[in-house]
């Protein structure tokens, strides 16, 4: 397994953790009240969700890209 694949797996794990924390944060009473009155999540919750999605996608791309062989 190459370093790129290991880093891809780590990015997917980190992204999943951030998405989990973002989801948990969005389900709190304070967040629900804030969303009801303002119409959006707080900046922290939004950052968790965006960073988790971006990290997961980058990790998947790193796993999907095949290395070029040098002859």
PDB file of N, CA and C in Angstrom:
ATOM      1  N   UNK A   1       0.854  -1.173   0.000  1.00  0.00           N
ATOM      2  CA  UNK A   1       0.000   0.000   0.000  1.00  0.00           C
ATOM      3  C   UNK A   1       0.902   1.238   0.000  1.00  0.00           C
ATOM      4  N   UNK A   2       0.612   2.138  -0.906  1.00  0.00           N
ATOM      5  CA  UNK A   2       1.458   3.324  -1.031  1.00  0.00           C
ATOM      6  C   UNK A   2       1.070   4.384  -0.001  1.00  0.00           C
ATOM      7  N   UNK A   3       1.923   5.356   0.117  1.00  0.00           N
ATOM      8  CA  UNK A   3       1.684   6.464   1.045  1.00  0.00           C
ATOM      9  C   UNK A   3       0.411   7.214   0.651  1.00  0.00           C
ATOM     10  N   UNK A   4       0.165   7.345  -0.641  1.00  0.00           N
ATOM     11  CA  UNK A   4      -1.028   8.060  -1.106  1.00  0.00           C
ATOM     12  C   UNK A   4      -2.298   7.339  -0.639  1.00  0.00           C
ATOM     13  N   UNK A   5      -2.284   6.010  -0.695  1.00  0.00           N
ATOM     14  CA  UNK A   5      -3.452   5.258  -0.256  1.00  0.00           C
ATOM     15  C   UNK A   5      -3.657   5.375   1.256  1.00  0.00           C
ATOM     16  N   UNK A   6      -2.581   5.326   1.997  1.00  0.00           N
ATOM     17  CA  UNK A   6      -2.678   5.476   3.453  1.00  0.00           C
ATOM     18  C   UNK A   6      -3.215   6.857   3.802  1.00  0.00           C
ATOM     19  N   UNK A   7      -2.708   7.877   3.126  1.00  0.00           N
ATOM     20  CA  UNK A   7      -3.177   9.241   3.376  1.00  0.00           C
ATOM     21  C   UNK A   7      -4.640   9.385   2.966  1.00  0.00           C
ATOM     22  N   UNK A   8      -5.041   8.720   1.893  1.00  0.00           N
ATOM     23  CA  UNK A   8      -6.441   8.749   1.469  1.00  0.00           C
ATOM     24  C   UNK A   8      -7.354   8.144   2.517  1.00  0.00           C
ATOM     25  N   UNK A   9      -6.946   7.015   3.086  1.00  0.00           N
ATOM     26  CA  UNK A   9      -7.744   6.372   4.134  1.00  0.00           C
ATOM     27  C   UNK A   9      -7.821   7.271   5.368  1.00  0.00           C
ATOM     28  N   UNK A  10      -6.709   7.896   5.725  1.00  0.00           N
ATOM     29  CA  UNK A  10      -6.720   8.810   6.869  1.00  0.00           C
ATOM     30  C   UNK A  10      -7.635  10.009   6.626  1.00  0.00           C
ATOM     31  N   UNK A  11      -7.643  10.524   5.397  1.00  0.00           N
ATOM     32  CA  UNK A  11      -8.538  11.639   5.071  1.00  0.00           C
ATOM     33  C   UNK A  11     -10.000  11.211   5.159  1.00  0.00           C
ATOM     34  N   UNK A  12     -10.297  10.023   4.697  1.00  0.00           N
ATOM     35  CA  UNK A  12     -11.677   9.534   4.786  1.00  0.00           C
ATOM     36  C   UNK A  12     -12.092   9.393   6.246  1.00  0.00           C
ATOM     37  N   UNK A  13     -11.209   8.875   7.076  1.00  0.00           N
ATOM     38  CA  UNK A  13     -11.518   8.717   8.503  1.00  0.00           C
ATOM     39  C   UNK A  13     -11.705  10.077   9.173  1.00  0.00           C
ATOM     40  N   UNK A  14     -10.834  11.022   8.862  1.00  0.00           N
ATOM     41  CA  UNK A  14     -10.958  12.363   9.439  1.00  0.00           C
ATOM     42  C   UNK A  14     -12.237  13.036   8.947  1.00  0.00           C
ATOM     43  N   UNK A  15     -12.545  12.872   7.680  1.00  0.00           N
ATOM     44  CA  UNK A  15     -13.771  13.447   7.130  1.00  0.00           C
ATOM     45  C   UNK A  15     -15.010  12.859   7.774  1.00  0.00           C
ATOM     46  N   UNK A  16     -14.995  11.547   8.000  1.00  0.00           N
ATOM     47  CA  UNK A  16     -16.138  10.906   8.656  1.00  0.00           C
ATOM     48  C   UNK A  16     -16.298  11.417  10.084  1.00  0.00           C
ATOM     49  N   UNK A  17     -15.190  11.605  10.772  1.00  0.00           N
ATOM     50  CA  UNK A  17     -15.252  12.132  12.143  1.00  0.00           C
ATOM     51  C   UNK A  17     -15.811  13.554  12.147  1.00  0.00           C
ATOM     52  N   UNK A  18     -15.355  14.387  11.218  1.00  0.00           N
ATOM     53  CA  UNK A  18     -15.866  15.762  11.148  1.00  0.00           C
ATOM     54  C   UNK A  18     -17.350  15.790  10.802  1.00  0.00           C
ATOM     55  N   UNK A  19     -17.773  14.923   9.884  1.00  0.00           N
ATOM     56  CA  UNK A  19     -19.196  14.851   9.552  1.00  0.00           C
ATOM     57  C   UNK A  19     -20.020  14.390  10.751  1.00  0.00           C
ATOM     58  N   UNK A  20     -19.489  13.448  11.504  1.00  0.00           N
ATOM     59  CA  UNK A  20     -20.181  12.986  12.708  1.00  0.00           C
ATOM     60  C   UNK A  20     -20.338  14.124  13.714  1.00  0.00           C
ATOM     61  N   UNK A  21     -19.263  14.839  13.981  1.00  0.00           N
ATOM     62  CA  UNK A  21     -19.330  15.947  14.934  1.00  0.00           C
ATOM     63  C   UNK A  21     -20.243  17.065  14.431  1.00  0.00           C
ATOM     64  N   UNK A  22     -20.223  17.317  13.129  1.00  0.00           N
ATOM     65  CA  UNK A  22     -21.120  18.320  12.556  1.00  0.00           C
ATOM     66  C   UNK A  22     -22.576  17.916  12.701  1.00  0.00           C
ATOM     67  N   UNK A  23     -22.858  16.642  12.458  1.00  0.00           N
ATOM     68  CA  UNK A  23     -24.228  16.160  12.614  1.00  0.00           C
ATOM     69  C   UNK A  23     -24.667  16.247  14.073  1.00  0.00           C
ATOM     70  N   UNK A  24     -23.806  15.811  14.987  1.00  0.00           N
ATOM     71  CA  UNK A  24     -24.144  15.879  16.408  1.00  0.00           C
ATOM     72  C   UNK A  24     -24.364  17.319  16.852  1.00  0.00           C
ATOM     73  N   UNK A  25     -23.548  18.220  16.325  1.00  0.00           N
ATOM     74  CA  UNK A  25     -23.687  19.633  16.669  1.00  0.00           C
ATOM     75  C   UNK A  25     -24.994  20.205  16.129  1.00  0.00           C
ATOM     76  N   UNK A  26     -25.404  19.749  14.955  1.00  0.00           N
ATOM     77  CA  UNK A  26     -26.630  20.289  14.354  1.00  0.00           C
ATOM     78  C   UNK A  26     -27.886  19.796  15.062  1.00  0.00           C
ATOM     79  N   UNK A  27     -27.779  18.758  15.880  1.00  0.00           N
ATOM     80  CA  UNK A  27     -28.941  18.201  16.559  1.00  0.00           C
ATOM     81  C   UNK A  27     -29.146  18.747  17.973  1.00  0.00           C
ATOM     82  N   UNK A  28     -28.280  19.648  18.433  1.00  0.00           N
ATOM     83  CA  UNK A  28     -28.436  20.194  19.777  1.00  0.00           C
ATOM     84  C   UNK A  28     -29.600  21.183  19.822  1.00  0.00           C
ATOM     85  N   UNK A  29     -30.125  21.401  21.005  1.00  0.00           N
ATOM     86  CA  UNK A  29     -31.264  22.294  21.171  1.00  0.00           C
ATOM     87  C   UNK A  29     -30.905  23.724  20.756  1.00  0.00           C
ATOM     88  N   UNK A  30     -29.735  24.187  21.171  1.00  0.00           N
ATOM     89  CA  UNK A  30     -29.313  25.545  20.821  1.00  0.00           C
ATOM     90  C   UNK A  30     -29.188  25.736  19.321  1.00  0.00           C
ATOM     91  N   UNK A  31     -28.663  24.730  18.649  1.00  0.00           N
ATOM     92  CA  UNK A  31     -28.508  24.797  17.193  1.00  0.00           C
ATOM     93  C   UNK A  31     -29.872  24.793  16.498  1.00  0.00           C
ATOM     94  N   UNK A  32     -30.795  24.006  17.011  1.00  0.00           N
ATOM     95  CA  UNK A  32     -32.133  23.944  16.422  1.00  0.00           C
ATOM     96  C   UNK A  32     -32.856  25.290  16.580  1.00  0.00           C
ATOM     97  N   UNK A  33     -32.714  25.910  17.751  1.00  0.00           N
ATOM     98  CA  UNK A  33     -33.333  27.216  17.979  1.00  0.00           C
ATOM     99  C   UNK A  33     -32.698  28.262  17.064  1.00  0.00           C
ATOM    100  N   UNK A  34     -31.369  28.241  16.977  1.00  0.00           N
ATOM    101  CA  UNK A  34     -30.657  29.188  16.111  1.00  0.00           C
ATOM    102  C   UNK A  34     -31.106  29.034  14.667  1.00  0.00           C
ATOM    103  N   UNK A  35     -31.211  27.790  14.204  1.00  0.00           N
ATOM    104  CA  UNK A  35     -31.622  27.553  12.820  1.00  0.00           C
ATOM    105  C   UNK A  35     -33.065  28.001  12.590  1.00  0.00           C
ATOM    106  N   UNK A  36     -33.916  27.833  13.582  1.00  0.00           N
ATOM    107  CA  UNK A  36     -35.313  28.236  13.449  1.00  0.00           C
ATOM    108  C   UNK A  36     -35.431  29.739  13.252  1.00  0.00           C
ATOM    109  N   UNK A  37     -34.675  30.513  14.023  1.00  0.00           N
ATOM    110  CA  UNK A  37     -34.796  31.964  13.951  1.00  0.00           C
ATOM    111  C   UNK A  37     -33.941  32.596  12.868  1.00  0.00           C
ATOM    112  N   UNK A  38     -32.769  32.067  12.615  1.00  0.00           N
ATOM    113  CA  UNK A  38     -31.847  32.671  11.651  1.00  0.00           C
ATOM    114  C   UNK A  38     -31.988  32.024  10.276  1.00  0.00           C
ATOM    115  N   UNK A  39     -32.316  30.738  10.252  1.00  0.00           N
ATOM    116  CA  UNK A  39     -32.496  30.059   8.978  1.00  0.00           C
ATOM    117  C   UNK A  39     -31.276  29.315   8.474  1.00  0.00           C
ATOM    118  N   UNK A  40     -30.235  29.231   9.288  1.00  0.00           N
ATOM    119  CA  UNK A  40     -29.027  28.495   8.901  1.00  0.00           C
ATOM    120  C   UNK A  40     -28.333  28.003  10.161  1.00  0.00           C
ATOM    121  N   UNK A  41     -27.375  27.089   9.963  1.00  0.00           N
ATOM    122  CA  UNK A  41     -26.600  26.602  11.096  1.00  0.00           C
ATOM    123  C   UNK A  41     -25.564  27.644  11.510  1.00  0.00           C
ATOM    124  N   UNK A  42     -25.004  27.463  12.705  1.00  0.00           N
ATOM    125  CA  UNK A  42     -23.932  28.349  13.146  1.00  0.00           C
ATOM    126  C   UNK A  42     -22.700  28.107  12.274  1.00  0.00           C
ATOM    127  N   UNK A  43     -21.765  29.031  12.323  1.00  0.00           N
ATOM    128  CA  UNK A  43     -20.562  28.923  11.509  1.00  0.00           C
ATOM    129  C   UNK A  43     -19.743  27.683  11.856  1.00  0.00           C
ATOM    130  N   UNK A  44     -19.682  27.344  13.131  1.00  0.00           N
ATOM    131  CA  UNK A  44     -18.910  26.178  13.551  1.00  0.00           C
ATOM    132  C   UNK A  44     -19.487  24.890  12.975  1.00  0.00           C
ATOM    133  N   UNK A  45     -20.790  24.728  13.060  1.00  0.00           N
ATOM    134  CA  UNK A  45     -21.435  23.527  12.531  1.00  0.00           C
ATOM    135  C   UNK A  45     -21.255  23.450  11.021  1.00  0.00           C
ATOM    136  N   UNK A  46     -21.422  24.569  10.347  1.00  0.00           N
ATOM    137  CA  UNK A  46     -21.242  24.603   8.903  1.00  0.00           C
ATOM    138  C   UNK A  46     -19.812  24.240   8.530  1.00  0.00           C
ATOM    139  N   UNK A  47     -18.847  24.724   9.291  1.00  0.00           N
ATOM    140  CA  UNK A  47     -17.443  24.412   9.024  1.00  0.00           C
ATOM    141  C   UNK A  47     -17.175  22.917   9.193  1.00  0.00           C
ATOM    142  N   UNK A  48     -17.726  22.314  10.239  1.00  0.00           N
ATOM    143  CA  UNK A  48     -17.573  20.865  10.422  1.00  0.00           C
ATOM    144  C   UNK A  48     -18.114  20.104   9.214  1.00  0.00           C
ATOM    145  N   UNK A  49     -19.299  20.469   8.770  1.00  0.00           N
ATOM    146  CA  UNK A  49     -19.932  19.745   7.665  1.00  0.00           C
ATOM    147  C   UNK A  49     -19.190  19.942   6.348  1.00  0.00           C
ATOM    148  N   UNK A  50     -18.746  21.148   6.064  1.00  0.00           N
ATOM    149  CA  UNK A  50     -18.020  21.413   4.816  1.00  0.00           C
ATOM    150  C   UNK A  50     -16.647  20.754   4.839  1.00  0.00           C
ATOM    151  N   UNK A  51     -15.927  20.883   5.947  1.00  0.00           N
ATOM    152  CA  UNK A  51     -14.592  20.284   6.039  1.00  0.00           C
ATOM    153  C   UNK A  51     -14.670  18.763   5.994  1.00  0.00           C
ATOM    154  N   UNK A  52     -15.675  18.179   6.628  1.00  0.00           N
ATOM    155  CA  UNK A  52     -15.840  16.735   6.598  1.00  0.00           C
ATOM    156  C   UNK A  52     -16.144  16.226   5.196  1.00  0.00           C
ATOM    157  N   UNK A  53     -16.986  16.925   4.484  1.00  0.00           N
ATOM    158  CA  UNK A  53     -17.304  16.540   3.110  1.00  0.00           C
ATOM    159  C   UNK A  53     -16.082  16.667   2.216  1.00  0.00           C
ATOM    160  N   UNK A  54     -15.364  17.771   2.343  1.00  0.00           N
ATOM    161  CA  UNK A  54     -14.181  17.994   1.504  1.00  0.00           C
ATOM    162  C   UNK A  54     -13.100  16.957   1.789  1.00  0.00           C
ATOM    163  N   UNK A  55     -12.866  16.650   3.048  1.00  0.00           N
ATOM    164  CA  UNK A  55     -11.841  15.660   3.396  1.00  0.00           C
ATOM    165  C   UNK A  55     -12.225  14.278   2.889  1.00  0.00           C
ATOM    166  N   UNK A  56     -13.489  13.925   3.011  1.00  0.00           N
ATOM    167  CA  UNK A  56     -13.938  12.617   2.531  1.00  0.00           C
ATOM    168  C   UNK A  56     -13.795  12.494   1.020  1.00  0.00           C
ATOM    169  N   UNK A  57     -14.167  13.536   0.298  1.00  0.00           N
ATOM    170  CA  UNK A  57     -14.053  13.516  -1.164  1.00  0.00           C
ATOM    171  C   UNK A  57     -12.590  13.444  -1.580  1.00  0.00           C
ATOM    172  N   UNK A  58     -11.735  14.218  -0.945  1.00  0.00           N
ATOM    173  CA  UNK A  58     -10.299  14.176  -1.270  1.00  0.00           C
ATOM    174  C   UNK A  58      -9.713  12.799  -0.987  1.00  0.00           C
ATOM    175  N   UNK A  59     -10.122  12.189   0.112  1.00  0.00           N
ATOM    176  CA  UNK A  59      -9.647  10.851   0.429  1.00  0.00           C
ATOM    177  C   UNK A  59     -10.097   9.826  -0.599  1.00  0.00           C
ATOM    178  N   UNK A  60     -11.337   9.923  -1.043  1.00  0.00           N
ATOM    179  CA  UNK A  60     -11.837   9.010  -2.069  1.00  0.00           C
ATOM    180  C   UNK A  60     -11.107   9.201  -3.393  1.00  0.00           C
ATOM    181  N   UNK A  61     -10.827  10.442  -3.741  1.00  0.00           N
ATOM    182  CA  UNK A  61     -10.091  10.719  -4.983  1.00  0.00           C
ATOM    183  C   UNK A  61      -8.680  10.152  -4.896  1.00  0.00           C
ATOM    184  N   UNK A  62      -8.050  10.294  -3.735  1.00  0.00           N
ATOM    185  CA  UNK A  62      -6.697   9.758  -3.574  1.00  0.00           C
ATOM    186  C   UNK A  62      -6.674   8.237  -3.687  1.00  0.00           C
ATOM    187  N   UNK A  63      -7.736   7.589  -3.226  1.00  0.00           N
ATOM    188  CA  UNK A  63      -7.800   6.138  -3.361  1.00  0.00           C
ATOM    189  C   UNK A  63      -8.114   5.715  -4.791  1.00  0.00           C
ATOM    190  N   UNK A  64      -8.843   6.540  -5.510  1.00  0.00           N
ATOM    191  CA  UNK A  64      -9.276   6.179  -6.859  1.00  0.00           C
ATOM    192  C   UNK A  64      -8.187   6.394  -7.907  1.00  0.00           C
ATOM    193  N   UNK A  65      -7.299   7.356  -7.680  1.00  0.00           N
ATOM    194  CA  UNK A  65      -6.259   7.665  -8.654  1.00  0.00           C
ATOM    195  C   UNK A  65      -5.208   6.578  -8.634  1.00  0.00           C
ATOM    196  N   UNK A  66      -4.931   6.055  -9.789  1.00  0.00           N
ATOM    197  CA  UNK A  66      -3.880   5.042  -9.904  1.00  0.00           C
ATOM    198  C   UNK A  66      -2.564   5.743 -10.231  1.00  0.00           C
ATOM    199  N   UNK A  67      -1.514   5.240  -9.681  1.00  0.00           N
ATOM    200  CA  UNK A  67      -0.189   5.793  -9.942  1.00  0.00           C
ATOM    201  C   UNK A  67       0.284   5.489 -11.351  1.00  0.00           C
ATOM    202  N   UNK A  68       1.096   6.364 -11.891  1.00  0.00           N
ATOM    203  CA  UNK A  68       1.646   6.123 -13.217  1.00  0.00           C
ATOM    204  C   UNK A  68       2.924   5.293 -13.070  1.00  0.00           C
ATOM    205  N   UNK A  69       3.071   4.320 -13.924  1.00  0.00           N
ATOM    206  CA  UNK A  69       4.291   3.498 -13.856  1.00  0.00           C
ATOM    207  C   UNK A  69       5.369   4.137 -14.710  1.00  0.00           C
ATOM    208  N   UNK A  70       6.561   4.123 -14.186  1.00  0.00           N
ATOM    209  CA  UNK A  70       7.697   4.706 -14.912  1.00  0.00           C
ATOM    210  C   UNK A  70       8.525   3.577 -15.485  1.00  0.00           C
ATOM    211  N   UNK A  71       8.763   3.691 -16.765  1.00  0.00           N
ATOM    212  CA  UNK A  71       9.529   2.628 -17.423  1.00  0.00           C
ATOM    213  C   UNK A  71      10.954   3.041 -17.670  1.00  0.00           C
TER     214      UNK A  71
END
